Amino acid sequence: MKNTLLHRTPAQRYVLGGLLSAAALLAFSLSTTAQTPGSLDDNFSADGSIAFNAYPSFISIQGGTIDVNGRIVVVGNVTINGDQRIYLARLHADGTLDDNYAPNGQTYVSSFSLNGSLNDALALPDCKYMACGTAGDDFALFRFNSNTAVPDPTFQQDGYKLVSFGGTDVATAMAADADGKYVVVGYSLLER
């Protein structure tokens, strides 16, 4: 199981995610302020963990973020009919899926036809979300709306930007500065 640190909240809660098994995601919250620091946070899904599934295949969570309203957004990929698709889900701070964001709180981006995966996400002040990863063989940067899990068409006209470095390009992490500029890092596998 790959554990991915998604975010540390101001209350010193840690939210992690990863691939648990076929069609199951495990997310849990650790508390550093509880009587026993490092214990599971029972305010998150009653016992500190949640497993959920909407697809008959692996869901792999690679990264995520927590927005200003305390909602948790996780990103990664899911295999649909043999194709790796970009996946995202939004949960409330208590660990329940946010049905107002997507059907059952989770979805894959069906409007985007390239195989891909998201590896990191940032919550923006307006509660939109930026996410980076790979699509086809290119770096991919997406912006998603705050009210629905579809790419924001006001960003690069289609909600995403692809950048090719000439190889198999994968964006692995991102950060933003105070001016709203983004730094995206990753790697490119170039053939020699």
N, C-alpha and C. Protein backbone atom coordinates (compact mmCIF):
# COMPACT_ATOMS: atom_id res chain seq x y z
N MET A 1 0.84 -1.18 0.00
CA MET A 1 0.00 0.00 0.00
C MET A 1 0.88 1.23 0.00
N LYS A 2 0.67 2.12 -0.93
CA LYS A 2 1.40 3.37 -0.97
C LYS A 2 0.66 4.39 -0.11
N ASN A 3 1.30 4.92 0.91
CA ASN A 3 0.69 5.95 1.73
C ASN A 3 1.14 7.30 1.22
N THR A 4 0.21 8.19 1.04
CA THR A 4 0.48 9.51 0.51
C THR A 4 0.00 10.54 1.51
N LEU A 5 0.89 11.39 2.02
CA LEU A 5 0.49 12.47 2.90
C LEU A 5 -0.24 13.49 2.06
N LEU A 6 -1.48 13.75 2.38
CA LEU A 6 -2.27 14.70 1.62
C LEU A 6 -2.13 16.10 2.16
N HIS A 7 -2.19 16.26 3.47
CA HIS A 7 -2.13 17.61 4.01
C HIS A 7 -2.11 17.54 5.53
N ARG A 8 -1.51 18.55 6.12
CA ARG A 8 -1.55 18.71 7.57
C ARG A 8 -2.43 19.91 7.84
N THR A 9 -3.48 19.73 8.61
CA THR A 9 -4.42 20.81 8.90
C THR A 9 -3.87 21.70 10.01
N PRO A 10 -4.42 22.93 10.13
CA PRO A 10 -3.96 23.81 11.21
C PRO A 10 -4.16 23.20 12.60
N ALA A 11 -5.12 22.32 12.77
CA ALA A 11 -5.36 21.68 14.05
C ALA A 11 -4.41 20.50 14.27
N GLN A 12 -3.37 20.38 13.43
CA GLN A 12 -2.38 19.32 13.55
C GLN A 12 -2.96 17.94 13.28
N ARG A 13 -4.00 17.87 12.43
CA ARG A 13 -4.51 16.59 11.98
C ARG A 13 -3.83 16.26 10.66
N TYR A 14 -3.44 15.04 10.48
CA TYR A 14 -2.81 14.60 9.24
C TYR A 14 -3.79 13.71 8.50
N VAL A 15 -3.96 13.97 7.20
CA VAL A 15 -4.83 13.13 6.39
C VAL A 15 -3.97 12.43 5.36
N LEU A 16 -4.08 11.12 5.30
CA LEU A 16 -3.29 10.33 4.37
C LEU A 16 -4.23 9.49 3.52
N GLY A 17 -3.73 9.02 2.39
CA GLY A 17 -4.54 8.17 1.54
C GLY A 17 -3.66 7.22 0.78
N GLY A 18 -4.26 6.23 0.16
CA GLY A 18 -3.48 5.31 -0.64
C GLY A 18 -4.33 4.19 -1.17
N LEU A 19 -3.72 3.32 -1.93
CA LEU A 19 -4.42 2.17 -2.48
C LEU A 19 -4.46 1.08 -1.44
N LEU A 20 -5.64 0.69 -1.06
CA LEU A 20 -5.78 -0.35 -0.04
C LEU A 20 -5.90 -1.73 -0.70
N SER A 21 -6.79 -1.84 -1.65
CA SER A 21 -6.98 -3.09 -2.37
C SER A 21 -7.81 -2.78 -3.59
N ALA A 22 -8.17 -3.79 -4.33
CA ALA A 22 -9.00 -3.55 -5.50
C ALA A 22 -10.26 -2.80 -5.07
N ALA A 23 -10.46 -1.65 -5.68
CA ALA A 23 -11.68 -0.87 -5.50
C ALA A 23 -11.90 -0.36 -4.08
N ALA A 24 -10.86 -0.11 -3.34
CA ALA A 24 -11.05 0.44 -2.00
C ALA A 24 -9.98 1.49 -1.71
N LEU A 25 -10.38 2.58 -1.16
CA LEU A 25 -9.47 3.65 -0.76
C LEU A 25 -9.49 3.74 0.75
N LEU A 26 -8.33 3.88 1.33
CA LEU A 26 -8.24 4.08 2.77
C LEU A 26 -7.71 5.48 3.00
N ALA A 27 -8.44 6.26 3.72
CA ALA A 27 -7.97 7.58 4.15
C ALA A 27 -8.11 7.60 5.66
N PHE A 28 -7.14 8.18 6.33
CA PHE A 28 -7.26 8.28 7.77
C PHE A 28 -6.61 9.54 8.27
N SER A 29 -6.98 9.92 9.46
CA SER A 29 -6.52 11.16 10.04
C SER A 29 -5.82 10.85 11.35
N LEU A 30 -4.63 11.39 11.50
CA LEU A 30 -3.88 11.23 12.74
C LEU A 30 -3.92 12.54 13.51
N SER A 31 -3.99 12.46 14.79
CA SER A 31 -4.01 13.65 15.62
C SER A 31 -2.70 13.76 16.38
N THR A 32 -2.16 14.99 16.44
CA THR A 32 -0.98 15.22 17.26
C THR A 32 -1.35 15.97 18.54
N THR A 33 -2.65 16.29 18.67
CA THR A 33 -3.08 17.02 19.86
C THR A 33 -3.96 16.18 20.78
N ALA A 34 -4.23 14.93 20.40
CA ALA A 34 -5.05 14.05 21.23
C ALA A 34 -4.27 13.63 22.46
N GLN A 35 -4.95 12.91 23.36
CA GLN A 35 -4.27 12.40 24.55
C GLN A 35 -3.07 11.56 24.16
N THR A 36 -3.20 10.80 23.09
CA THR A 36 -2.11 9.99 22.58
C THR A 36 -1.75 10.50 21.19
N PRO A 37 -0.77 11.42 21.08
CA PRO A 37 -0.41 11.92 19.76
C PRO A 37 -0.07 10.79 18.79
N GLY A 38 -0.57 10.91 17.56
CA GLY A 38 -0.35 9.87 16.56
C GLY A 38 -1.48 8.85 16.51
N SER A 39 -2.46 8.99 17.39
CA SER A 39 -3.59 8.06 17.36
C SER A 39 -4.56 8.47 16.25
N LEU A 40 -5.38 7.52 15.81
CA LEU A 40 -6.38 7.84 14.80
C LEU A 40 -7.37 8.84 15.38
N ASP A 41 -7.80 9.76 14.54
CA ASP A 41 -8.72 10.82 14.94
C ASP A 41 -10.15 10.31 14.80
N ASP A 42 -10.84 10.06 15.92
CA ASP A 42 -12.18 9.50 15.84
C ASP A 42 -13.24 10.52 15.43
N ASN A 43 -12.86 11.77 15.19
CA ASN A 43 -13.79 12.75 14.60
C ASN A 43 -13.87 12.59 13.09
N PHE A 44 -12.97 11.78 12.53
CA PHE A 44 -12.94 11.51 11.09
C PHE A 44 -13.54 10.14 10.86
N SER A 45 -14.76 10.08 10.34
CA SER A 45 -15.43 8.82 10.00
C SER A 45 -15.57 7.88 11.19
N ALA A 46 -15.82 8.42 12.35
CA ALA A 46 -16.08 7.69 13.61
C ALA A 46 -14.89 6.92 14.16
N ASP A 47 -14.05 6.34 13.30
CA ASP A 47 -12.93 5.56 13.82
C ASP A 47 -11.58 6.02 13.25
N GLY A 48 -11.58 7.14 12.51
CA GLY A 48 -10.33 7.65 11.97
C GLY A 48 -9.97 7.15 10.59
N SER A 49 -10.80 6.27 10.00
CA SER A 49 -10.50 5.76 8.67
C SER A 49 -11.77 5.59 7.85
N ILE A 50 -11.59 5.53 6.53
CA ILE A 50 -12.73 5.31 5.65
C ILE A 50 -12.25 4.54 4.42
N ALA A 51 -13.04 3.61 3.99
CA ALA A 51 -12.80 2.90 2.74
C ALA A 51 -14.03 3.12 1.88
N PHE A 52 -13.84 3.51 0.64
CA PHE A 52 -14.98 3.69 -0.25
C PHE A 52 -14.63 3.28 -1.66
N ASN A 53 -15.67 3.04 -2.44
CA ASN A 53 -15.46 2.49 -3.76
C ASN A 53 -16.68 2.78 -4.63
N ALA A 54 -16.42 3.16 -5.86
CA ALA A 54 -17.52 3.36 -6.80
C ALA A 54 -17.28 2.63 -8.11
N TYR A 55 -16.11 2.05 -8.26
CA TYR A 55 -15.73 1.44 -9.53
C TYR A 55 -15.22 0.03 -9.29
N PRO A 56 -15.46 -0.88 -10.24
CA PRO A 56 -15.00 -2.26 -10.06
C PRO A 56 -13.53 -2.44 -10.44
N SER A 57 -12.69 -1.53 -10.00
CA SER A 57 -11.27 -1.59 -10.32
C SER A 57 -10.49 -0.83 -9.27
N PHE A 58 -9.17 -0.83 -9.41
CA PHE A 58 -8.32 -0.13 -8.46
C PHE A 58 -8.55 1.38 -8.53
N ILE A 59 -8.61 2.00 -7.38
CA ILE A 59 -8.55 3.45 -7.26
C ILE A 59 -7.24 3.73 -6.54
N SER A 60 -6.38 4.50 -7.17
CA SER A 60 -5.09 4.82 -6.58
C SER A 60 -5.05 6.30 -6.25
N ILE A 61 -4.94 6.63 -4.98
CA ILE A 61 -4.85 8.02 -4.55
C ILE A 61 -3.39 8.41 -4.49
N GLN A 62 -3.03 9.46 -5.21
CA GLN A 62 -1.64 9.91 -5.29
C GLN A 62 -1.38 11.17 -4.48
N GLY A 63 -2.41 11.98 -4.26
CA GLY A 63 -2.20 13.23 -3.53
C GLY A 63 -3.53 13.87 -3.19
N GLY A 64 -3.46 15.05 -2.65
CA GLY A 64 -4.68 15.76 -2.31
C GLY A 64 -4.40 17.02 -1.54
N THR A 65 -5.48 17.64 -1.08
CA THR A 65 -5.39 18.91 -0.39
C THR A 65 -6.60 19.08 0.51
N ILE A 66 -6.56 20.07 1.36
CA ILE A 66 -7.69 20.43 2.20
C ILE A 66 -7.98 21.90 1.96
N ASP A 67 -9.25 22.22 1.60
CA ASP A 67 -9.58 23.60 1.27
C ASP A 67 -9.90 24.43 2.51
N VAL A 68 -10.18 25.71 2.31
CA VAL A 68 -10.41 26.63 3.43
C VAL A 68 -11.65 26.27 4.24
N ASN A 69 -12.55 25.46 3.67
CA ASN A 69 -13.75 25.02 4.38
C ASN A 69 -13.55 23.67 5.07
N GLY A 70 -12.31 23.15 5.04
CA GLY A 70 -12.00 21.89 5.69
C GLY A 70 -12.34 20.66 4.87
N ARG A 71 -12.78 20.84 3.62
CA ARG A 71 -13.09 19.69 2.78
C ARG A 71 -11.80 19.10 2.22
N ILE A 72 -11.77 17.80 2.12
CA ILE A 72 -10.60 17.06 1.66
C ILE A 72 -10.82 16.67 0.21
N VAL A 73 -9.88 17.02 -0.66
CA VAL A 73 -9.93 16.61 -2.07
C VAL A 73 -8.77 15.66 -2.30
N VAL A 74 -9.07 14.47 -2.80
CA VAL A 74 -8.04 13.51 -3.13
C VAL A 74 -8.01 13.30 -4.65
N VAL A 75 -6.81 13.09 -5.19
CA VAL A 75 -6.65 12.92 -6.63
C VAL A 75 -5.80 11.68 -6.90
N GLY A 76 -5.96 11.11 -8.08
CA GLY A 76 -5.19 9.94 -8.47
C GLY A 76 -5.68 9.41 -9.79
N ASN A 77 -5.92 8.10 -9.85
CA ASN A 77 -6.41 7.48 -11.08
C ASN A 77 -7.25 6.26 -10.75
N VAL A 78 -8.06 5.89 -11.73
CA VAL A 78 -8.89 4.69 -11.66
C VAL A 78 -8.87 4.06 -13.05
N THR A 79 -8.92 2.74 -13.11
CA THR A 79 -8.95 2.05 -14.39
C THR A 79 -10.39 1.80 -14.79
N ILE A 80 -10.77 2.33 -15.96
CA ILE A 80 -12.12 2.17 -16.50
C ILE A 80 -11.99 1.52 -17.88
N ASN A 81 -12.58 0.36 -18.06
CA ASN A 81 -12.51 -0.37 -19.34
C ASN A 81 -11.09 -0.47 -19.88
N GLY A 82 -10.14 -0.74 -19.00
CA GLY A 82 -8.75 -0.91 -19.40
C GLY A 82 -7.96 0.37 -19.56
N ASP A 83 -8.59 1.53 -19.42
CA ASP A 83 -7.91 2.82 -19.54
C ASP A 83 -7.73 3.45 -18.18
N GLN A 84 -6.55 4.03 -17.95
CA GLN A 84 -6.27 4.74 -16.70
C GLN A 84 -6.83 6.14 -16.81
N ARG A 85 -7.78 6.49 -15.95
CA ARG A 85 -8.46 7.78 -15.99
C ARG A 85 -8.14 8.62 -14.76
N ILE A 86 -8.17 9.92 -14.96
CA ILE A 86 -7.96 10.89 -13.88
C ILE A 86 -9.14 10.78 -12.91
N TYR A 87 -8.82 10.70 -11.62
CA TYR A 87 -9.82 10.47 -10.58
C TYR A 87 -9.73 11.56 -9.52
N LEU A 88 -10.87 11.98 -9.00
CA LEU A 88 -10.88 12.85 -7.84
C LEU A 88 -12.13 12.63 -7.01
N ALA A 89 -12.00 12.92 -5.74
CA ALA A 89 -13.10 12.80 -4.80
C ALA A 89 -12.99 13.93 -3.79
N ARG A 90 -14.14 14.33 -3.23
CA ARG A 90 -14.12 15.34 -2.17
C ARG A 90 -14.90 14.79 -0.98
N LEU A 91 -14.29 14.94 0.18
CA LEU A 91 -14.90 14.49 1.43
C LEU A 91 -15.08 15.68 2.35
N HIS A 92 -16.06 15.57 3.21
CA HIS A 92 -16.23 16.57 4.27
C HIS A 92 -15.15 16.30 5.33
N ALA A 93 -14.95 17.25 6.21
CA ALA A 93 -13.92 17.12 7.25
C ALA A 93 -14.14 15.91 8.14
N ASP A 94 -15.40 15.45 8.24
CA ASP A 94 -15.68 14.27 9.08
C ASP A 94 -15.45 12.95 8.34
N GLY A 95 -15.03 13.00 7.08
CA GLY A 95 -14.72 11.80 6.32
C GLY A 95 -15.85 11.29 5.44
N THR A 96 -17.01 11.94 5.46
CA THR A 96 -18.09 11.50 4.57
C THR A 96 -17.89 12.10 3.19
N LEU A 97 -18.24 11.34 2.16
CA LEU A 97 -18.11 11.82 0.79
C LEU A 97 -19.07 12.96 0.53
N ASP A 98 -18.63 13.95 -0.22
CA ASP A 98 -19.42 15.15 -0.52
C ASP A 98 -20.23 14.91 -1.80
N ASP A 99 -21.48 14.49 -1.64
CA ASP A 99 -22.35 14.20 -2.79
C ASP A 99 -22.69 15.44 -3.60
N ASN A 100 -22.47 16.63 -3.07
CA ASN A 100 -22.72 17.86 -3.82
C ASN A 100 -21.63 18.14 -4.85
N TYR A 101 -20.49 17.49 -4.72
CA TYR A 101 -19.36 17.74 -5.61
C TYR A 101 -19.37 16.84 -6.84
N ALA A 102 -19.72 15.60 -6.66
CA ALA A 102 -19.78 14.63 -7.75
C ALA A 102 -20.74 13.53 -7.31
N PRO A 103 -21.25 12.74 -8.25
CA PRO A 103 -22.10 11.62 -7.83
C PRO A 103 -21.34 10.75 -6.83
N ASN A 104 -21.93 10.49 -5.72
CA ASN A 104 -21.30 9.70 -4.65
C ASN A 104 -19.99 10.32 -4.15
N GLY A 105 -19.77 11.61 -4.42
CA GLY A 105 -18.59 12.31 -3.92
C GLY A 105 -17.32 12.04 -4.67
N GLN A 106 -17.36 11.19 -5.70
CA GLN A 106 -16.14 10.83 -6.42
C GLN A 106 -16.45 10.60 -7.90
N THR A 107 -15.45 10.83 -8.72
CA THR A 107 -15.66 10.66 -10.16
C THR A 107 -14.33 10.51 -10.88
N TYR A 108 -14.41 10.07 -12.10
CA TYR A 108 -13.26 10.16 -13.00
C TYR A 108 -13.64 11.18 -14.07
N VAL A 109 -12.66 11.80 -14.67
CA VAL A 109 -12.92 12.86 -15.62
C VAL A 109 -13.22 12.22 -16.97
N SER A 110 -14.50 12.06 -17.27
CA SER A 110 -14.91 11.37 -18.50
C SER A 110 -14.79 12.27 -19.73
N SER A 111 -14.76 13.58 -19.54
CA SER A 111 -14.66 14.50 -20.68
C SER A 111 -13.24 14.59 -21.23
N PHE A 112 -12.30 13.97 -20.54
CA PHE A 112 -10.89 14.03 -20.94
C PHE A 112 -10.51 12.64 -21.42
N SER A 113 -10.13 12.50 -22.69
CA SER A 113 -9.98 11.18 -23.29
C SER A 113 -8.60 10.55 -23.14
N LEU A 114 -7.58 11.30 -22.75
CA LEU A 114 -6.24 10.73 -22.62
C LEU A 114 -6.10 9.93 -21.33
N ASN A 115 -5.33 8.84 -21.39
CA ASN A 115 -4.99 8.13 -20.16
C ASN A 115 -4.20 9.08 -19.27
N GLY A 116 -4.43 9.02 -17.97
CA GLY A 116 -3.71 9.93 -17.11
C GLY A 116 -3.90 9.64 -15.64
N SER A 117 -3.20 10.43 -14.84
CA SER A 117 -3.28 10.34 -13.39
C SER A 117 -2.94 11.70 -12.81
N LEU A 118 -3.57 12.06 -11.72
CA LEU A 118 -3.21 13.26 -10.99
C LEU A 118 -2.37 12.85 -9.80
N ASN A 119 -1.33 13.63 -9.52
CA ASN A 119 -0.38 13.27 -8.46
C ASN A 119 -0.34 14.23 -7.29
N ASP A 120 -0.85 15.44 -7.46
CA ASP A 120 -0.84 16.41 -6.38
C ASP A 120 -1.96 17.41 -6.62
N ALA A 121 -2.37 18.11 -5.58
CA ALA A 121 -3.45 19.10 -5.70
C ALA A 121 -3.20 20.25 -4.74
N LEU A 122 -3.76 21.40 -5.11
CA LEU A 122 -3.73 22.59 -4.27
C LEU A 122 -5.14 23.15 -4.18
N ALA A 123 -5.54 23.60 -3.00
CA ALA A 123 -6.81 24.30 -2.84
C ALA A 123 -6.54 25.79 -3.03
N LEU A 124 -7.35 26.42 -3.86
CA LEU A 124 -7.21 27.85 -4.11
C LEU A 124 -8.12 28.62 -3.16
N PRO A 125 -7.86 29.92 -2.93
CA PRO A 125 -8.68 30.69 -2.00
C PRO A 125 -10.18 30.72 -2.37
N ASP A 126 -10.51 30.61 -3.67
CA ASP A 126 -11.91 30.62 -4.09
C ASP A 126 -12.53 29.21 -4.07
N CYS A 127 -11.85 28.27 -3.46
CA CYS A 127 -12.27 26.87 -3.32
C CYS A 127 -12.26 26.09 -4.64
N LYS A 128 -11.62 26.65 -5.67
CA LYS A 128 -11.33 25.83 -6.85
C LYS A 128 -10.08 25.04 -6.50
N TYR A 129 -9.75 24.06 -7.34
CA TYR A 129 -8.61 23.20 -7.06
C TYR A 129 -7.71 23.10 -8.29
N MET A 130 -6.41 23.23 -8.08
CA MET A 130 -5.42 22.96 -9.11
C MET A 130 -4.88 21.57 -8.84
N ALA A 131 -4.60 20.83 -9.91
CA ALA A 131 -4.02 19.50 -9.75
C ALA A 131 -3.04 19.26 -10.89
N CYS A 132 -1.99 18.51 -10.60
CA CYS A 132 -1.00 18.19 -11.63
C CYS A 132 -0.79 16.70 -11.69
N GLY A 133 -0.31 16.25 -12.85
CA GLY A 133 -0.04 14.84 -13.05
C GLY A 133 0.44 14.60 -14.46
N THR A 134 -0.11 13.58 -15.08
CA THR A 134 0.27 13.24 -16.44
C THR A 134 -0.98 12.91 -17.25
N ALA A 135 -0.92 13.23 -18.53
CA ALA A 135 -2.00 12.89 -19.46
C ALA A 135 -1.34 12.51 -20.78
N GLY A 136 -1.66 11.31 -21.27
CA GLY A 136 -0.91 10.83 -22.42
C GLY A 136 0.54 10.68 -21.98
N ASP A 137 1.43 11.37 -22.64
CA ASP A 137 2.86 11.38 -22.26
C ASP A 137 3.31 12.76 -21.80
N ASP A 138 2.39 13.62 -21.40
CA ASP A 138 2.72 15.01 -21.09
C ASP A 138 2.45 15.37 -19.63
N PHE A 139 3.21 16.40 -19.16
CA PHE A 139 2.86 17.06 -17.90
C PHE A 139 1.43 17.56 -18.06
N ALA A 140 0.64 17.48 -17.02
CA ALA A 140 -0.74 17.97 -17.08
C ALA A 140 -1.01 18.85 -15.86
N LEU A 141 -1.63 19.98 -16.09
CA LEU A 141 -2.07 20.89 -15.04
C LEU A 141 -3.55 21.16 -15.26
N PHE A 142 -4.38 20.85 -14.26
CA PHE A 142 -5.83 21.02 -14.35
C PHE A 142 -6.29 22.01 -13.30
N ARG A 143 -7.39 22.72 -13.61
CA ARG A 143 -8.10 23.48 -12.58
C ARG A 143 -9.54 22.99 -12.58
N PHE A 144 -10.02 22.64 -11.39
CA PHE A 144 -11.38 22.13 -11.23
C PHE A 144 -12.22 23.15 -10.49
N ASN A 145 -13.50 23.22 -10.85
CA ASN A 145 -14.43 24.12 -10.19
C ASN A 145 -14.68 23.70 -8.75
N SER A 146 -15.17 24.64 -7.95
CA SER A 146 -15.43 24.35 -6.55
C SER A 146 -16.74 23.60 -6.35
N ASN A 147 -17.65 23.70 -7.31
CA ASN A 147 -18.98 23.12 -7.11
C ASN A 147 -19.21 21.84 -7.90
N THR A 148 -18.28 21.46 -8.76
CA THR A 148 -18.44 20.23 -9.52
C THR A 148 -17.07 19.73 -9.99
N ALA A 149 -16.94 18.43 -10.08
CA ALA A 149 -15.65 17.83 -10.41
C ALA A 149 -15.40 17.77 -11.91
N VAL A 150 -15.53 18.91 -12.57
CA VAL A 150 -15.20 18.98 -14.00
C VAL A 150 -14.14 20.06 -14.19
N PRO A 151 -13.28 19.90 -15.20
CA PRO A 151 -12.28 20.94 -15.45
C PRO A 151 -12.94 22.30 -15.69
N ASP A 152 -12.33 23.35 -15.14
CA ASP A 152 -12.85 24.72 -15.21
C ASP A 152 -12.54 25.31 -16.59
N PRO A 153 -13.56 25.55 -17.43
CA PRO A 153 -13.30 26.03 -18.79
C PRO A 153 -12.74 27.45 -18.85
N THR A 154 -12.70 28.17 -17.73
CA THR A 154 -12.10 29.51 -17.74
C THR A 154 -10.57 29.44 -17.60
N PHE A 155 -10.03 28.24 -17.39
CA PHE A 155 -8.59 28.02 -17.32
C PHE A 155 -8.13 27.37 -18.62
N GLN A 156 -7.34 28.08 -19.40
CA GLN A 156 -6.80 27.56 -20.66
C GLN A 156 -7.89 27.05 -21.62
N GLN A 157 -9.08 27.58 -21.54
CA GLN A 157 -10.23 27.29 -22.39
C GLN A 157 -10.82 25.90 -22.22
N ASP A 158 -10.05 24.92 -21.79
CA ASP A 158 -10.56 23.57 -21.61
C ASP A 158 -10.43 23.08 -20.17
N GLY A 159 -9.85 23.90 -19.30
CA GLY A 159 -9.67 23.50 -17.91
C GLY A 159 -8.35 22.82 -17.63
N TYR A 160 -7.50 22.67 -18.65
CA TYR A 160 -6.21 22.02 -18.42
C TYR A 160 -5.17 22.55 -19.38
N LYS A 161 -3.91 22.30 -19.03
CA LYS A 161 -2.76 22.66 -19.85
C LYS A 161 -1.83 21.46 -19.89
N LEU A 162 -1.45 21.05 -21.09
CA LEU A 162 -0.49 19.96 -21.27
C LEU A 162 0.82 20.54 -21.74
N VAL A 163 1.93 20.01 -21.21
CA VAL A 163 3.27 20.47 -21.60
C VAL A 163 4.12 19.23 -21.90
N SER A 164 4.74 19.23 -23.08
CA SER A 164 5.59 18.11 -23.47
C SER A 164 7.06 18.51 -23.40
N PHE A 165 7.86 17.62 -22.83
CA PHE A 165 9.31 17.80 -22.82
C PHE A 165 9.99 16.80 -23.76
N GLY A 166 9.18 16.09 -24.55
CA GLY A 166 9.72 15.20 -25.55
C GLY A 166 9.85 13.76 -25.13
N GLY A 167 9.45 13.43 -23.93
CA GLY A 167 9.52 12.06 -23.46
C GLY A 167 8.22 11.68 -22.80
N THR A 168 8.30 10.75 -21.87
CA THR A 168 7.15 10.46 -21.02
C THR A 168 7.28 11.37 -19.81
N ASP A 169 6.42 12.38 -19.74
CA ASP A 169 6.55 13.47 -18.78
C ASP A 169 5.52 13.33 -17.66
N VAL A 170 5.97 13.40 -16.42
CA VAL A 170 5.09 13.21 -15.28
C VAL A 170 5.31 14.35 -14.28
N ALA A 171 4.27 15.12 -14.00
CA ALA A 171 4.31 16.14 -12.95
C ALA A 171 3.98 15.44 -11.63
N THR A 172 4.82 15.61 -10.63
CA THR A 172 4.64 14.88 -9.38
C THR A 172 4.21 15.74 -8.20
N ALA A 173 4.51 17.04 -8.24
CA ALA A 173 4.16 17.91 -7.11
C ALA A 173 4.03 19.34 -7.59
N MET A 174 3.32 20.14 -6.80
CA MET A 174 3.15 21.54 -7.17
C MET A 174 3.02 22.40 -5.92
N ALA A 175 3.29 23.70 -6.11
CA ALA A 175 3.15 24.69 -5.05
C ALA A 175 2.76 26.01 -5.69
N ALA A 176 2.22 26.90 -4.89
CA ALA A 176 1.84 28.23 -5.38
C ALA A 176 2.50 29.27 -4.51
N ASP A 177 2.84 30.42 -5.13
CA ASP A 177 3.38 31.52 -4.33
C ASP A 177 2.26 32.52 -4.03
N ALA A 178 2.59 33.57 -3.30
CA ALA A 178 1.59 34.56 -2.88
C ALA A 178 0.98 35.31 -4.06
N ASP A 179 1.66 35.35 -5.20
CA ASP A 179 1.15 36.04 -6.38
C ASP A 179 0.28 35.15 -7.26
N GLY A 180 0.05 33.91 -6.85
CA GLY A 180 -0.77 33.00 -7.63
C GLY A 180 -0.03 32.31 -8.76
N LYS A 181 1.29 32.33 -8.73
CA LYS A 181 2.08 31.61 -9.72
C LYS A 181 2.33 30.20 -9.19
N TYR A 182 2.39 29.24 -10.11
CA TYR A 182 2.54 27.85 -9.74
C TYR A 182 3.91 27.32 -10.14
N VAL A 183 4.45 26.48 -9.28
CA VAL A 183 5.67 25.74 -9.59
C VAL A 183 5.26 24.28 -9.64
N VAL A 184 5.54 23.65 -10.76
CA VAL A 184 5.21 22.24 -10.95
C VAL A 184 6.51 21.50 -11.21
N VAL A 185 6.75 20.43 -10.48
CA VAL A 185 7.97 19.65 -10.65
C VAL A 185 7.60 18.22 -11.04
N GLY A 186 8.57 17.53 -11.61
CA GLY A 186 8.34 16.15 -12.01
C GLY A 186 9.55 15.62 -12.74
N TYR A 187 9.31 14.73 -13.68
CA TYR A 187 10.42 14.14 -14.43
C TYR A 187 9.97 13.82 -15.85
N SER A 188 10.97 13.60 -16.70
CA SER A 188 10.74 13.23 -18.09
C SER A 188 11.65 12.05 -18.42
N LEU A 189 11.07 10.99 -18.95
CA LEU A 189 11.84 9.84 -19.38
C LEU A 189 12.10 10.00 -20.88
N LEU A 190 13.32 10.38 -21.21
CA LEU A 190 13.70 10.62 -22.61
C LEU A 190 14.38 9.39 -23.16
N GLU A 191 14.04 9.03 -24.38
CA GLU A 191 14.71 7.90 -25.02
C GLU A 191 16.05 8.35 -25.53
N ARG A 192 17.06 7.50 -25.42
CA ARG A 192 18.41 7.84 -25.89
C ARG A 192 18.75 7.03 -27.10
